Amino acid sequence: MCGIFGVANVPDAARLAYLGLYALQHRGQESAGIVAIDRDGTTRSHRGMGLVSENFNDQELSRLPGDMAVGHTRYSTSGSTVLANAQPCFANTRCGALALAHNGNLVNAHLLKADLVRQGAIFSSSSDSEVIVHLIARSDAATPDEQIRDALEQVDGAYSLVITLGRTLYAAVDSRGFRPLALGRLGDGFVVASETCALDLVGASVVCELAPGDFIKIEDGAVTHLRRLSPRPVTRCVFELVYFARPDSMVFNESVDKVRRELGRALAREHPAPGAEVVFSVPDSSNAMALGFAAESGVALEHGLIRNHYVGRTFINPTQALRIAKVRIKFNPVREVIEGKSVVVVDDSLVRGNTSKGLVAMIRAAGAREVHLRLGSPPITGPCHYGIDTPTREELIGATHSVEEIRQYLGVDSLGYLSLEGMLAAAGQGPGQTERFCHACFSGDYPTPIPEELVQLRHAAPLAGAHA
């Protein structure tokens, strides 16, 4: 999961991209980068490991002049955590300098890369995003528009992309629409961002969210909708609405806050907690779910856990050791709210179980009489191939343990997962509607074929992919 940001025809574009990446920092904390293009077509870039604030200051941004820019903040799901894999990717091609920022994962990148290497291509990173760069550069198509299209028609999986080629900015979303991308207007220019909250921060008005298969270019202050990419069944990632996106964003034309409140209401209907006196969230992604649960159940909503906002998101840390360490300093219980009470703790999901186990122990130590854990999504039983860091089945507690075993492991009095049907309905998928969301990590129903080589590379257990 990554955050991408593009700017066209706006003065001091790099500073605008810097602000946009701040709004998208929750989507990736490992590296950040900006490529800027001036009116002469000269391209300059800066990339570094760590947060946006750690990589950019006024001096760095002053070295990135231009009215066009591409920005990226990275959370690795393909390729190691090293500077070589930081984005935007950059290359000089026969059509001009190319910069690319990618959110998602390609399921056939390893096959395409092997073929490109046989043809003499030299890769400078282990990221699957670089495959797209090589495919564009090697395309025999007559125009830059068609070169990019040619490349995108060869890759499969999840991609939302912002690309500059010369003085033209392109944006594209794969035909299944796994990851969000929104277009905004700012004065005489345009902005493209992973989430609308980034458009809000820079003062851009939302023009539209790119639909699955949309392919646009922004040139000379005008937006052109190019011929759409080859159609495929729409399967947008439901976990964007459950966890990843900020609640103040509109994602897949849904209010994230509204969806999460409905997830909480559905959870209260499916798994009430009779006798509970207090309900509170595991902040911040489940705050709205706790509001919904409290409204539906009538249980008093309180702030039972205080989050240290100087610590990043535990789920998207690259190593298990870092996840465990951060849990201990990320949350602190409010004893006056918890002591002597039966409490309902609402969280969005349970991936590995380590964070929740530690939290439950903290809540018990604060004096809770009973702890009832409610989760706004079903058990995660399979890895994601499309941009979420769940690389092996063995890491997924829902894949290896029953609900009762998980309850015992966590040390809670009761445990309730929202059903798949309840989650999809809350996210806006109507009865009988089958082509809207990807829920493979919950259901095992993968919307793309999964090459066996990819399974062997990333996963310890075999996994059945969808037929082409």
Foldseek 3Di string as FASTA:
>chain_A
DKKKKKKAQAFLVLVLVLLLVVQQQQVAFFKKKKWAAAPVLDIDMFIDTGTSVVGDDPVVSVVRGHRIMMMMHDQDQWFDRDRLPTDQDWDAAPQGIKTKYKAKFWQCLVVLVVVVVVVPDDDSTRGSVVSLVVQLRPDPDDDSLVSSLRSLLPTDFWIWMWMDGRNKIKTATAQQRAFKKWWWDDVLIIMIIRWCSSCVSSVTHTPGIDHHQWMWMADPSDIDTDDGHDHDFHAYALVCLLARPDQPTQGPNHRSLQLLLLLLLLLCVVDPDPQFAEEEEPDDSNRSSSVNVCVNRVHHYDHFKDFDVVQHDLQSDDDPVVSLVCLVVGIAGDLVRAAPGAYEYEYAACFQLNSLLVVLVRSVVSHHPFYEYEYSAAQQQDDDNIHGNPQERVSGCSNPDDLVVSCVSSVHPYYYYRYHVSSVVSVPQDPPRDRHHDPCRRVLAARDARDPVSCVVGYDDDGGYDDD
